[in-house]
Amino acid sequence: MNNQYIYCLTRRMRGYSLTEIMIVIAIITVLAALILPNLVHLNKEGITNLIVNHD
């Protein structure tokens, strides 16, 4: 059998290691920390514009 095929089968049965899961969680946390403040700021600007432009 092909070594790559065997690696894929054992990888699928084994799952992910704790280190891999922790790295993914860290990446998601960093991305959320970068994106969420901008979304809050945009939401506040949108509400302000809605109030100012309301006739």
C-alpha atoms as a PDB file:
ATOM      1  CA  MET A   1       0.000   0.000   0.000  1.00  0.00           C
ATOM      2  CA  ASN A   2       0.964   3.606  -0.473  1.00  0.00           C
ATOM      3  CA  ASN A   3       2.549   5.212   2.614  1.00  0.00           C
ATOM      4  CA  GLN A   4       0.476   8.366   2.165  1.00  0.00           C
ATOM      5  CA  TYR A   5      -2.722   6.288   2.136  1.00  0.00           C
ATOM      6  CA  ILE A   6      -1.710   4.536   5.362  1.00  0.00           C
ATOM      7  CA  TYR A   7      -0.878   7.911   6.953  1.00  0.00           C
ATOM      8  CA  CYS A   8      -4.319   9.259   6.016  1.00  0.00           C
ATOM      9  CA  LEU A   9      -6.051   6.239   7.496  1.00  0.00           C
ATOM     10  CA  THR A  10      -4.139   6.393  10.762  1.00  0.00           C
ATOM     11  CA  ARG A  11      -4.604  10.179  10.928  1.00  0.00           C
ATOM     12  CA  ARG A  12      -8.359   9.823  10.510  1.00  0.00           C
ATOM     13  CA  MET A  13      -8.553   7.217  13.265  1.00  0.00           C
ATOM     14  CA  ARG A  14      -6.282   9.130  15.634  1.00  0.00           C
ATOM     15  CA  GLY A  15      -7.947  12.541  15.368  1.00  0.00           C
ATOM     16  CA  TYR A  16      -6.219  15.776  16.307  1.00  0.00           C
ATOM     17  CA  SER A  17      -3.652  16.315  19.016  1.00  0.00           C
ATOM     18  CA  LEU A  18      -4.160  18.756  21.863  1.00  0.00           C
ATOM     19  CA  THR A  19      -1.443  21.007  20.449  1.00  0.00           C
ATOM     20  CA  GLU A  20      -3.208  21.297  17.090  1.00  0.00           C
ATOM     21  CA  ILE A  21      -6.505  22.141  18.754  1.00  0.00           C
ATOM     22  CA  MET A  22      -4.851  24.764  20.974  1.00  0.00           C
ATOM     23  CA  ILE A  23      -3.189  26.397  17.955  1.00  0.00           C
ATOM     24  CA  VAL A  24      -6.507  26.620  16.119  1.00  0.00           C
ATOM     25  CA  ILE A  25      -8.184  28.143  19.187  1.00  0.00           C
ATOM     26  CA  ALA A  26      -5.344  30.677  19.517  1.00  0.00           C
ATOM     27  CA  ILE A  27      -5.664  31.696  15.858  1.00  0.00           C
ATOM     28  CA  ILE A  28      -9.433  32.115  16.173  1.00  0.00           C
ATOM     29  CA  THR A  29      -8.957  34.201  19.334  1.00  0.00           C
ATOM     30  CA  VAL A  30      -6.460  36.511  17.651  1.00  0.00           C
ATOM     31  CA  LEU A  31      -8.715  36.984  14.629  1.00  0.00           C
ATOM     32  CA  ALA A  32     -11.708  37.710  16.871  1.00  0.00           C
ATOM     33  CA  ALA A  33      -9.661  40.243  18.865  1.00  0.00           C
ATOM     34  CA  LEU A  34      -8.772  42.032  15.634  1.00  0.00           C
ATOM     35  CA  ILE A  35     -12.243  41.982  14.076  1.00  0.00           C
ATOM     36  CA  LEU A  36     -14.698  42.525  16.948  1.00  0.00           C
ATOM     37  CA  PRO A  37     -13.598  46.050  17.991  1.00  0.00           C
ATOM     38  CA  ASN A  38     -14.039  47.186  14.387  1.00  0.00           C
ATOM     39  CA  LEU A  39     -17.533  45.718  14.230  1.00  0.00           C
ATOM     40  CA  VAL A  40     -18.539  47.451  17.463  1.00  0.00           C
ATOM     41  CA  HIS A  41     -17.170  50.762  16.160  1.00  0.00           C
ATOM     42  CA  LEU A  42     -19.048  50.376  12.869  1.00  0.00           C
ATOM     43  CA  ASN A  43     -22.251  49.533  14.730  1.00  0.00           C
ATOM     44  CA  LYS A  44     -21.939  52.677  16.885  1.00  0.00           C
ATOM     45  CA  GLU A  45     -21.307  54.797  13.782  1.00  0.00           C
ATOM     46  CA  GLY A  46     -24.338  53.266  12.100  1.00  0.00           C
ATOM     47  CA  ILE A  47     -26.598  54.021  15.059  1.00  0.00           C
ATOM     48  CA  THR A  48     -25.240  57.590  15.258  1.00  0.00           C
ATOM     49  CA  ASN A  49     -25.854  58.136  11.547  1.00  0.00           C
ATOM     50  CA  LEU A  50     -29.354  56.702  11.859  1.00  0.00           C
ATOM     51  CA  ILE A  51     -30.209  59.112  14.692  1.00  0.00           C
ATOM     52  CA  VAL A  52     -28.648  62.143  12.973  1.00  0.00           C
ATOM     53  CA  ASN A  53     -30.224  61.449   9.575  1.00  0.00           C
ATOM     54  CA  HIS A  54     -33.679  60.598  10.933  1.00  0.00           C
ATOM     55  CA  ASP A  55     -36.159  63.258   9.970  1.00  0.00           C
END
